[in-house]
mmCIF file of all heavy atoms, coordinates in Angstrom:
data_MODEL
# 
_entry.id   MODEL 
# 
loop_
_atom_site.group_PDB 
_atom_site.id 
_atom_site.type_symbol 
_atom_site.label_atom_id 
_atom_site.label_alt_id 
_atom_site.label_comp_id 
_atom_site.label_asym_id 
_atom_site.label_entity_id 
_atom_site.label_seq_id 
_atom_site.pdbx_PDB_ins_code 
_atom_site.Cartn_x 
_atom_site.Cartn_y 
_atom_site.Cartn_z 
_atom_site.occupancy 
_atom_site.B_iso_or_equiv 
_atom_site.pdbx_formal_charge 
_atom_site.auth_seq_id 
_atom_site.auth_comp_id 
_atom_site.auth_asym_id 
_atom_site.auth_atom_id 
_atom_site.pdbx_PDB_model_num 
ATOM 1   N N   . GLY A 1 1  ? 230.480 212.791 161.299 1.00 0.00 ? 1  GLY A N   1 
ATOM 2   C CA  . GLY A 1 1  ? 229.161 213.032 161.974 1.00 0.00 ? 1  GLY A CA  1 
ATOM 3   C C   . GLY A 1 1  ? 229.115 212.837 163.441 1.00 0.00 ? 1  GLY A C   1 
ATOM 4   O O   . GLY A 1 1  ? 228.217 213.270 164.079 1.00 0.00 ? 1  GLY A O   1 
ATOM 5   N N   . CYS A 1 2  ? 230.177 212.252 163.938 1.00 0.00 ? 2  CYS A N   1 
ATOM 6   C CA  . CYS A 1 2  ? 230.188 211.950 165.364 1.00 0.00 ? 2  CYS A CA  1 
ATOM 7   C C   . CYS A 1 2  ? 230.443 213.179 166.220 1.00 0.00 ? 2  CYS A C   1 
ATOM 8   O O   . CYS A 1 2  ? 229.965 213.260 167.377 1.00 0.00 ? 2  CYS A O   1 
ATOM 9   C CB  . CYS A 1 2  ? 231.268 210.864 165.708 1.00 0.00 ? 2  CYS A CB  1 
ATOM 10  S SG  . CYS A 1 2  ? 230.847 209.248 165.052 1.00 0.00 ? 2  CYS A SG  1 
ATOM 11  N N   . GLY A 1 3  ? 231.139 214.136 165.682 1.00 0.00 ? 3  GLY A N   1 
ATOM 12  C CA  . GLY A 1 3  ? 231.361 215.344 166.400 1.00 0.00 ? 3  GLY A CA  1 
ATOM 13  C C   . GLY A 1 3  ? 232.351 215.180 167.569 1.00 0.00 ? 3  GLY A C   1 
ATOM 14  O O   . GLY A 1 3  ? 232.996 214.170 167.762 1.00 0.00 ? 3  GLY A O   1 
ATOM 15  N N   . THR A 1 4  ? 232.465 216.292 168.365 1.00 0.00 ? 4  THR A N   1 
ATOM 16  C CA  . THR A 1 4  ? 233.409 216.191 169.518 1.00 0.00 ? 4  THR A CA  1 
ATOM 17  C C   . THR A 1 4  ? 232.734 215.603 170.706 1.00 0.00 ? 4  THR A C   1 
ATOM 18  O O   . THR A 1 4  ? 231.567 215.941 171.069 1.00 0.00 ? 4  THR A O   1 
ATOM 19  C CB  . THR A 1 4  ? 233.838 217.646 169.861 1.00 0.00 ? 4  THR A CB  1 
ATOM 20  O OG1 . THR A 1 4  ? 234.489 218.187 168.687 1.00 0.00 ? 4  THR A OG1 1 
ATOM 21  C CG2 . THR A 1 4  ? 234.778 217.661 171.019 1.00 0.00 ? 4  THR A CG2 1 
ATOM 22  N N   . VAL A 1 5  ? 233.384 214.704 171.378 1.00 0.00 ? 5  VAL A N   1 
ATOM 23  C CA  . VAL A 1 5  ? 232.887 214.146 172.645 1.00 0.00 ? 5  VAL A CA  1 
ATOM 24  C C   . VAL A 1 5  ? 233.640 214.800 173.786 1.00 0.00 ? 5  VAL A C   1 
ATOM 25  O O   . VAL A 1 5  ? 234.880 214.838 173.801 1.00 0.00 ? 5  VAL A O   1 
ATOM 26  C CB  . VAL A 1 5  ? 233.167 212.611 172.697 1.00 0.00 ? 5  VAL A CB  1 
ATOM 27  C CG1 . VAL A 1 5  ? 232.641 212.023 173.914 1.00 0.00 ? 5  VAL A CG1 1 
ATOM 28  C CG2 . VAL A 1 5  ? 232.553 211.950 171.453 1.00 0.00 ? 5  VAL A CG2 1 
ATOM 29  N N   . HIS A 1 6  ? 232.936 215.379 174.814 1.00 0.00 ? 6  HIS A N   1 
ATOM 30  C CA  . HIS A 1 6  ? 233.625 215.999 175.912 1.00 0.00 ? 6  HIS A CA  1 
ATOM 31  C C   . HIS A 1 6  ? 232.745 215.840 177.206 1.00 0.00 ? 6  HIS A C   1 
ATOM 32  O O   . HIS A 1 6  ? 231.577 215.545 177.115 1.00 0.00 ? 6  HIS A O   1 
ATOM 33  C CB  . HIS A 1 6  ? 233.927 217.471 175.625 1.00 0.00 ? 6  HIS A CB  1 
ATOM 34  C CG  . HIS A 1 6  ? 232.685 218.269 175.376 1.00 0.00 ? 6  HIS A CG  1 
ATOM 35  N ND1 . HIS A 1 6  ? 232.067 218.389 174.177 1.00 0.00 ? 6  HIS A ND1 1 
ATOM 36  C CD2 . HIS A 1 6  ? 231.928 219.037 176.319 1.00 0.00 ? 6  HIS A CD2 1 
ATOM 37  C CE1 . HIS A 1 6  ? 231.004 219.141 174.271 1.00 0.00 ? 6  HIS A CE1 1 
ATOM 38  N NE2 . HIS A 1 6  ? 230.904 219.546 175.542 1.00 0.00 ? 6  HIS A NE2 1 
ATOM 39  N N   . ASN A 1 7  ? 233.367 216.036 178.323 1.00 0.00 ? 7  ASN A N   1 
ATOM 40  C CA  . ASN A 1 7  ? 232.735 215.988 179.625 1.00 0.00 ? 7  ASN A CA  1 
ATOM 41  C C   . ASN A 1 7  ? 232.547 217.434 180.175 1.00 0.00 ? 7  ASN A C   1 
ATOM 42  O O   . ASN A 1 7  ? 233.391 218.312 179.824 1.00 0.00 ? 7  ASN A O   1 
ATOM 43  C CB  . ASN A 1 7  ? 233.546 215.248 180.602 1.00 0.00 ? 7  ASN A CB  1 
ATOM 44  C CG  . ASN A 1 7  ? 233.655 213.776 180.314 1.00 0.00 ? 7  ASN A CG  1 
ATOM 45  O OD1 . ASN A 1 7  ? 232.560 213.128 180.170 1.00 0.00 ? 7  ASN A OD1 1 
ATOM 46  N ND2 . ASN A 1 7  ? 234.816 213.205 180.097 1.00 0.00 ? 7  ASN A ND2 1 
ATOM 47  N N   . LEU A 1 8  ? 231.539 217.617 180.859 1.00 0.00 ? 8  LEU A N   1 
ATOM 48  C CA  . LEU A 1 8  ? 231.276 218.938 181.542 1.00 0.00 ? 8  LEU A CA  1 
ATOM 49  C C   . LEU A 1 8  ? 231.896 218.910 182.920 1.00 0.00 ? 8  LEU A C   1 
ATOM 50  O O   . LEU A 1 8  ? 231.836 217.882 183.625 1.00 0.00 ? 8  LEU A O   1 
ATOM 51  C CB  . LEU A 1 8  ? 229.785 219.242 181.633 1.00 0.00 ? 8  LEU A CB  1 
ATOM 52  C CG  . LEU A 1 8  ? 229.093 219.375 180.301 1.00 0.00 ? 8  LEU A CG  1 
ATOM 53  C CD1 . LEU A 1 8  ? 227.542 219.594 180.522 1.00 0.00 ? 8  LEU A CD1 1 
ATOM 54  C CD2 . LEU A 1 8  ? 229.584 220.512 179.530 1.00 0.00 ? 8  LEU A CD2 1 
ATOM 55  N N   . PRO A 1 9  ? 232.526 220.075 183.385 1.00 0.00 ? 9  PRO A N   1 
ATOM 56  C CA  . PRO A 1 9  ? 233.104 220.034 184.714 1.00 0.00 ? 9  PRO A CA  1 
ATOM 57  C C   . PRO A 1 9  ? 231.994 219.950 185.766 1.00 0.00 ? 9  PRO A C   1 
ATOM 58  O O   . PRO A 1 9  ? 230.968 220.546 185.693 1.00 0.00 ? 9  PRO A O   1 
ATOM 59  C CB  . PRO A 1 9  ? 233.819 221.405 184.748 1.00 0.00 ? 9  PRO A CB  1 
ATOM 60  C CG  . PRO A 1 9  ? 233.186 222.247 183.746 1.00 0.00 ? 9  PRO A CG  1 
ATOM 61  C CD  . PRO A 1 9  ? 232.738 221.295 182.655 1.00 0.00 ? 9  PRO A CD  1 
ATOM 62  N N   . LEU A 1 10 ? 232.374 219.228 186.824 1.00 0.00 ? 10 LEU A N   1 
ATOM 63  C CA  . LEU A 1 10 ? 231.399 219.076 187.997 1.00 0.00 ? 10 LEU A CA  1 
ATOM 64  C C   . LEU A 1 10 ? 231.765 219.907 189.172 1.00 0.00 ? 10 LEU A C   1 
ATOM 65  O O   . LEU A 1 10 ? 230.959 220.029 190.100 1.00 0.00 ? 10 LEU A O   1 
ATOM 66  C CB  . LEU A 1 10 ? 231.283 217.592 188.407 1.00 0.00 ? 10 LEU A CB  1 
ATOM 67  C CG  . LEU A 1 10 ? 230.808 216.603 187.311 1.00 0.00 ? 10 LEU A CG  1 
ATOM 68  C CD1 . LEU A 1 10 ? 230.847 215.159 187.880 1.00 0.00 ? 10 LEU A CD1 1 
ATOM 69  C CD2 . LEU A 1 10 ? 229.384 216.964 186.936 1.00 0.00 ? 10 LEU A CD2 1 
ATOM 70  N N   . ASN A 1 11 ? 233.005 220.379 189.213 1.00 0.00 ? 11 ASN A N   1 
ATOM 71  C CA  . ASN A 1 11 ? 233.411 221.088 190.413 1.00 0.00 ? 11 ASN A CA  1 
ATOM 72  C C   . ASN A 1 11 ? 232.806 222.506 190.509 1.00 0.00 ? 11 ASN A C   1 
ATOM 73  O O   . ASN A 1 11 ? 232.554 223.117 189.470 1.00 0.00 ? 11 ASN A O   1 
ATOM 74  C CB  . ASN A 1 11 ? 234.986 221.220 190.467 1.00 0.00 ? 11 ASN A CB  1 
ATOM 75  C CG  . ASN A 1 11 ? 235.607 221.981 189.306 1.00 0.00 ? 11 ASN A CG  1 
ATOM 76  O OD1 . ASN A 1 11 ? 235.235 221.688 188.120 1.00 0.00 ? 11 ASN A OD1 1 
ATOM 77  N ND2 . ASN A 1 11 ? 236.478 222.940 189.574 1.00 0.00 ? 11 ASN A ND2 1 
ATOM 78  N N   . GLU A 1 12 ? 232.598 222.946 191.688 1.00 0.00 ? 12 GLU A N   1 
ATOM 79  C CA  . GLU A 1 12 ? 231.992 224.250 192.037 1.00 0.00 ? 12 GLU A CA  1 
ATOM 80  C C   . GLU A 1 12 ? 232.999 225.279 192.527 1.00 0.00 ? 12 GLU A C   1 
ATOM 81  O O   . GLU A 1 12 ? 233.970 224.936 193.179 1.00 0.00 ? 12 GLU A O   1 
ATOM 82  C CB  . GLU A 1 12 ? 230.909 224.082 193.110 1.00 0.00 ? 12 GLU A CB  1 
ATOM 83  C CG  . GLU A 1 12 ? 229.756 223.092 192.678 1.00 0.00 ? 12 GLU A CG  1 
ATOM 84  C CD  . GLU A 1 12 ? 228.839 223.635 191.552 1.00 0.00 ? 12 GLU A CD  1 
ATOM 85  O OE1 . GLU A 1 12 ? 228.850 224.944 191.430 1.00 0.00 ? 12 GLU A OE1 1 
ATOM 86  O OE2 . GLU A 1 12 ? 228.193 222.900 190.874 1.00 0.00 ? 12 GLU A OE2 1 
ATOM 87  N N   . PRO A 1 13 ? 232.706 226.614 192.213 1.00 0.00 ? 13 PRO A N   1 
ATOM 88  C CA  . PRO A 1 13 ? 233.642 227.577 192.722 1.00 0.00 ? 13 PRO A CA  1 
ATOM 89  C C   . PRO A 1 13 ? 233.463 227.778 194.259 1.00 0.00 ? 13 PRO A C   1 
ATOM 90  O O   . PRO A 1 13 ? 232.445 227.416 194.812 1.00 0.00 ? 13 PRO A O   1 
ATOM 91  C CB  . PRO A 1 13 ? 233.193 228.854 191.995 1.00 0.00 ? 13 PRO A CB  1 
ATOM 92  C CG  . PRO A 1 13 ? 231.721 228.655 191.650 1.00 0.00 ? 13 PRO A CG  1 
ATOM 93  C CD  . PRO A 1 13 ? 231.690 227.166 191.400 1.00 0.00 ? 13 PRO A CD  1 
ATOM 94  N N   . SER A 1 14 ? 234.528 228.279 194.900 1.00 0.00 ? 14 SER A N   1 
ATOM 95  C CA  . SER A 1 14 ? 234.412 228.546 196.302 1.00 0.00 ? 14 SER A CA  1 
ATOM 96  C C   . SER A 1 14 ? 235.265 229.712 196.687 1.00 0.00 ? 14 SER A C   1 
ATOM 97  O O   . SER A 1 14 ? 236.400 229.858 196.271 1.00 0.00 ? 14 SER A O   1 
ATOM 98  C CB  . SER A 1 14 ? 234.958 227.343 197.138 1.00 0.00 ? 14 SER A CB  1 
ATOM 99  O OG  . SER A 1 14 ? 235.001 227.601 198.450 1.00 0.00 ? 14 SER A OG  1 
ATOM 100 N N   . ALA A 1 15 ? 234.686 230.677 197.475 1.00 0.00 ? 15 ALA A N   1 
ATOM 101 C CA  . ALA A 1 15 ? 235.484 231.814 197.833 1.00 0.00 ? 15 ALA A CA  1 
ATOM 102 C C   . ALA A 1 15 ? 236.526 231.482 198.947 1.00 0.00 ? 15 ALA A C   1 
ATOM 103 O O   . ALA A 1 15 ? 237.556 232.089 199.040 1.00 0.00 ? 15 ALA A O   1 
ATOM 104 C CB  . ALA A 1 15 ? 234.487 232.839 198.494 1.00 0.00 ? 15 ALA A CB  1 
ATOM 105 N N   . ASN A 1 16 ? 236.293 230.360 199.678 1.00 0.00 ? 16 ASN A N   1 
ATOM 106 C CA  . ASN A 1 16 ? 237.241 229.964 200.649 1.00 0.00 ? 16 ASN A CA  1 
ATOM 107 C C   . ASN A 1 16 ? 237.358 228.410 200.603 1.00 0.00 ? 16 ASN A C   1 
ATOM 108 O O   . ASN A 1 16 ? 236.653 227.703 201.342 1.00 0.00 ? 16 ASN A O   1 
ATOM 109 C CB  . ASN A 1 16 ? 236.806 230.388 202.104 1.00 0.00 ? 16 ASN A CB  1 
ATOM 110 C CG  . ASN A 1 16 ? 237.884 230.106 203.159 1.00 0.00 ? 16 ASN A CG  1 
ATOM 111 O OD1 . ASN A 1 16 ? 238.888 229.424 202.838 1.00 0.00 ? 16 ASN A OD1 1 
ATOM 112 N ND2 . ASN A 1 16 ? 237.635 230.572 204.324 1.00 0.00 ? 16 ASN A ND2 1 
ATOM 113 N N   . PRO A 1 17 ? 238.167 227.920 199.645 1.00 0.00 ? 17 PRO A N   1 
ATOM 114 C CA  . PRO A 1 17 ? 238.120 226.461 199.357 1.00 0.00 ? 17 PRO A CA  1 
ATOM 115 C C   . PRO A 1 17 ? 238.450 225.572 200.541 1.00 0.00 ? 17 PRO A C   1 
ATOM 116 O O   . PRO A 1 17 ? 238.075 224.378 200.604 1.00 0.00 ? 17 PRO A O   1 
ATOM 117 C CB  . PRO A 1 17 ? 239.195 226.299 198.281 1.00 0.00 ? 17 PRO A CB  1 
ATOM 118 C CG  . PRO A 1 17 ? 239.285 227.646 197.683 1.00 0.00 ? 17 PRO A CG  1 
ATOM 119 C CD  . PRO A 1 17 ? 239.040 228.644 198.798 1.00 0.00 ? 17 PRO A CD  1 
ATOM 120 N N   . LEU A 1 18 ? 239.176 226.046 201.563 1.00 0.00 ? 18 LEU A N   1 
ATOM 121 C CA  . LEU A 1 18 ? 239.636 225.198 202.658 1.00 0.00 ? 18 LEU A CA  1 
ATOM 122 C C   . LEU A 1 18 ? 238.692 225.246 203.854 1.00 0.00 ? 18 LEU A C   1 
ATOM 123 O O   . LEU A 1 18 ? 238.865 224.472 204.788 1.00 0.00 ? 18 LEU A O   1 
ATOM 124 C CB  . LEU A 1 18 ? 241.010 225.579 203.127 1.00 0.00 ? 18 LEU A CB  1 
ATOM 125 C CG  . LEU A 1 18 ? 242.149 225.508 201.994 1.00 0.00 ? 18 LEU A CG  1 
ATOM 126 C CD1 . LEU A 1 18 ? 243.455 225.866 202.649 1.00 0.00 ? 18 LEU A CD1 1 
ATOM 127 C CD2 . LEU A 1 18 ? 242.213 224.074 201.451 1.00 0.00 ? 18 LEU A CD2 1 
ATOM 128 N N   . ALA A 1 19 ? 237.658 226.120 203.834 1.00 0.00 ? 19 ALA A N   1 
ATOM 129 C CA  . ALA A 1 19 ? 236.842 226.354 205.058 1.00 0.00 ? 19 ALA A CA  1 
ATOM 130 C C   . ALA A 1 19 ? 236.174 225.051 205.482 1.00 0.00 ? 19 ALA A C   1 
ATOM 131 O O   . ALA A 1 19 ? 236.235 224.659 206.652 1.00 0.00 ? 19 ALA A O   1 
ATOM 132 C CB  . ALA A 1 19 ? 235.876 227.459 204.775 1.00 0.00 ? 19 ALA A CB  1 
ATOM 133 N N   . GLY A 1 20 ? 235.450 224.417 204.545 1.00 0.00 ? 20 GLY A N   1 
ATOM 134 C CA  . GLY A 1 20 ? 234.725 223.247 204.953 1.00 0.00 ? 20 GLY A CA  1 
ATOM 135 C C   . GLY A 1 20 ? 235.597 222.049 205.368 1.00 0.00 ? 20 GLY A C   1 
ATOM 136 O O   . GLY A 1 20 ? 235.354 221.388 206.322 1.00 0.00 ? 20 GLY A O   1 
ATOM 137 N N   . ILE A 1 21 ? 236.733 221.970 204.720 1.00 0.00 ? 21 ILE A N   1 
ATOM 138 C CA  . ILE A 1 21 ? 237.654 220.843 205.051 1.00 0.00 ? 21 ILE A CA  1 
ATOM 139 C C   . ILE A 1 21 ? 238.251 221.058 206.485 1.00 0.00 ? 21 ILE A C   1 
ATOM 140 O O   . ILE A 1 21 ? 238.417 220.163 207.262 1.00 0.00 ? 21 ILE A O   1 
ATOM 141 C CB  . ILE A 1 21 ? 238.745 220.710 203.975 1.00 0.00 ? 21 ILE A CB  1 
ATOM 142 C CG1 . ILE A 1 21 ? 238.144 220.214 202.664 1.00 0.00 ? 21 ILE A CG1 1 
ATOM 143 C CG2 . ILE A 1 21 ? 239.926 219.825 204.430 1.00 0.00 ? 21 ILE A CG2 1 
ATOM 144 C CD1 . ILE A 1 21 ? 239.041 220.325 201.521 1.00 0.00 ? 21 ILE A CD1 1 
ATOM 145 N N   . VAL A 1 22 ? 238.602 222.342 206.785 1.00 0.00 ? 22 VAL A N   1 
ATOM 146 C CA  . VAL A 1 22 ? 239.220 222.650 208.090 1.00 0.00 ? 22 VAL A CA  1 
ATOM 147 C C   . VAL A 1 22 ? 238.152 222.395 209.153 1.00 0.00 ? 22 VAL A C   1 
ATOM 148 O O   . VAL A 1 22 ? 238.496 221.797 210.217 1.00 0.00 ? 22 VAL A O   1 
ATOM 149 C CB  . VAL A 1 22 ? 239.672 224.127 208.105 1.00 0.00 ? 22 VAL A CB  1 
ATOM 150 C CG1 . VAL A 1 22 ? 239.944 224.528 209.569 1.00 0.00 ? 22 VAL A CG1 1 
ATOM 151 C CG2 . VAL A 1 22 ? 240.846 224.311 207.203 1.00 0.00 ? 22 VAL A CG2 1 
ATOM 152 N N   . THR A 1 23 ? 236.888 222.730 208.902 1.00 0.00 ? 23 THR A N   1 
ATOM 153 C CA  . THR A 1 23 ? 235.840 222.510 209.878 1.00 0.00 ? 23 THR A CA  1 
ATOM 154 C C   . THR A 1 23 ? 235.724 221.061 210.153 1.00 0.00 ? 23 THR A C   1 
ATOM 155 O O   . THR A 1 23 ? 235.502 220.593 211.376 1.00 0.00 ? 23 THR A O   1 
ATOM 156 C CB  . THR A 1 23 ? 234.549 223.155 209.448 1.00 0.00 ? 23 THR A CB  1 
ATOM 157 O OG1 . THR A 1 23 ? 234.737 224.577 209.219 1.00 0.00 ? 23 THR A OG1 1 
ATOM 158 C CG2 . THR A 1 23 ? 233.413 222.896 210.398 1.00 0.00 ? 23 THR A CG2 1 
ATOM 159 N N   . ARG A 1 24 ? 235.617 220.231 208.991 1.00 0.00 ? 24 ARG A N   1 
ATOM 160 C CA  . ARG A 1 24 ? 235.410 218.797 209.186 1.00 0.00 ? 24 ARG A CA  1 
ATOM 161 C C   . ARG A 1 24 ? 236.582 218.165 209.948 1.00 0.00 ? 24 ARG A C   1 
ATOM 162 O O   . ARG A 1 24 ? 236.430 217.269 210.773 1.00 0.00 ? 24 ARG A O   1 
ATOM 163 C CB  . ARG A 1 24 ? 235.261 218.114 207.830 1.00 0.00 ? 24 ARG A CB  1 
ATOM 164 C CG  . ARG A 1 24 ? 233.951 218.310 207.175 1.00 0.00 ? 24 ARG A CG  1 
ATOM 165 C CD  . ARG A 1 24 ? 233.680 217.041 206.318 1.00 0.00 ? 24 ARG A CD  1 
ATOM 166 N NE  . ARG A 1 24 ? 232.554 217.236 205.442 1.00 0.00 ? 24 ARG A NE  1 
ATOM 167 C CZ  . ARG A 1 24 ? 231.873 216.241 204.963 1.00 0.00 ? 24 ARG A CZ  1 
ATOM 168 N NH1 . ARG A 1 24 ? 232.192 215.009 205.199 1.00 0.00 ? 24 ARG A NH1 1 
ATOM 169 N NH2 . ARG A 1 24 ? 230.793 216.462 204.179 1.00 0.00 ? 24 ARG A NH2 1 
ATOM 170 N N   . ALA A 1 25 ? 237.786 218.649 209.631 1.00 0.00 ? 25 ALA A N   1 
ATOM 171 C CA  . ALA A 1 25 ? 238.922 218.059 210.263 1.00 0.00 ? 25 ALA A CA  1 
ATOM 172 C C   . ALA A 1 25 ? 238.976 218.315 211.746 1.00 0.00 ? 25 ALA A C   1 
ATOM 173 O O   . ALA A 1 25 ? 239.343 217.519 212.555 1.00 0.00 ? 25 ALA A O   1 
ATOM 174 C CB  . ALA A 1 25 ? 240.254 218.649 209.561 1.00 0.00 ? 25 ALA A CB  1 
ATOM 175 N N   . ALA A 1 26 ? 238.592 219.623 212.121 1.00 0.00 ? 26 ALA A N   1 
ATOM 176 C CA  . ALA A 1 26 ? 238.520 219.910 213.517 1.00 0.00 ? 26 ALA A CA  1 
ATOM 177 C C   . ALA A 1 26 ? 237.562 219.121 214.274 1.00 0.00 ? 26 ALA A C   1 
ATOM 178 O O   . ALA A 1 26 ? 237.804 218.596 215.408 1.00 0.00 ? 26 ALA A O   1 
ATOM 179 C CB  . ALA A 1 26 ? 238.185 221.404 213.691 1.00 0.00 ? 26 ALA A CB  1 
ATOM 180 N N   . ALA A 1 27 ? 236.418 218.853 213.647 1.00 0.00 ? 27 ALA A N   1 
ATOM 181 C CA  . ALA A 1 27 ? 235.338 218.035 214.232 1.00 0.00 ? 27 ALA A CA  1 
ATOM 182 C C   . ALA A 1 27 ? 235.848 216.590 214.445 1.00 0.00 ? 27 ALA A C   1 
ATOM 183 O O   . ALA A 1 27 ? 235.593 215.993 215.490 1.00 0.00 ? 27 ALA A O   1 
ATOM 184 C CB  . ALA A 1 27 ? 234.086 218.015 213.455 1.00 0.00 ? 27 ALA A CB  1 
ATOM 185 N N   . ALA A 1 28 ? 236.501 216.062 213.407 1.00 0.00 ? 28 ALA A N   1 
ATOM 186 C CA  . ALA A 1 28 ? 237.044 214.707 213.451 1.00 0.00 ? 28 ALA A CA  1 
ATOM 187 C C   . ALA A 1 28 ? 238.086 214.579 214.555 1.00 0.00 ? 28 ALA A C   1 
ATOM 188 O O   . ALA A 1 28 ? 238.172 213.636 215.249 1.00 0.00 ? 28 ALA A O   1 
ATOM 189 C CB  . ALA A 1 28 ? 237.627 214.288 212.133 1.00 0.00 ? 28 ALA A CB  1 
ATOM 190 N N   . GLU A 1 29 ? 238.914 215.639 214.756 1.00 0.00 ? 29 GLU A N   1 
ATOM 191 C CA  . GLU A 1 29 ? 239.970 215.637 215.791 1.00 0.00 ? 29 GLU A CA  1 
ATOM 192 C C   . GLU A 1 29 ? 239.371 215.613 217.113 1.00 0.00 ? 29 GLU A C   1 
ATOM 193 O O   . GLU A 1 29 ? 239.832 214.939 218.070 1.00 0.00 ? 29 GLU A O   1 
ATOM 194 C CB  . GLU A 1 29 ? 240.886 216.883 215.605 1.00 0.00 ? 29 GLU A CB  1 
ATOM 195 C CG  . GLU A 1 29 ? 241.975 216.916 216.553 1.00 0.00 ? 29 GLU A CG  1 
ATOM 196 C CD  . GLU A 1 29 ? 243.126 215.880 216.264 1.00 0.00 ? 29 GLU A CD  1 
ATOM 197 O OE1 . GLU A 1 29 ? 243.097 215.395 215.163 1.00 0.00 ? 29 GLU A OE1 1 
ATOM 198 O OE2 . GLU A 1 29 ? 243.929 215.645 217.171 1.00 0.00 ? 29 GLU A OE2 1 
# 
């Protein structure tokens, strides 16, 4: 009766996965 226990994914799709990270890194530099 307990059934399957599972988690739902939290990550979001991205057309350009590195864009935000590159922008933040440039600002930090």
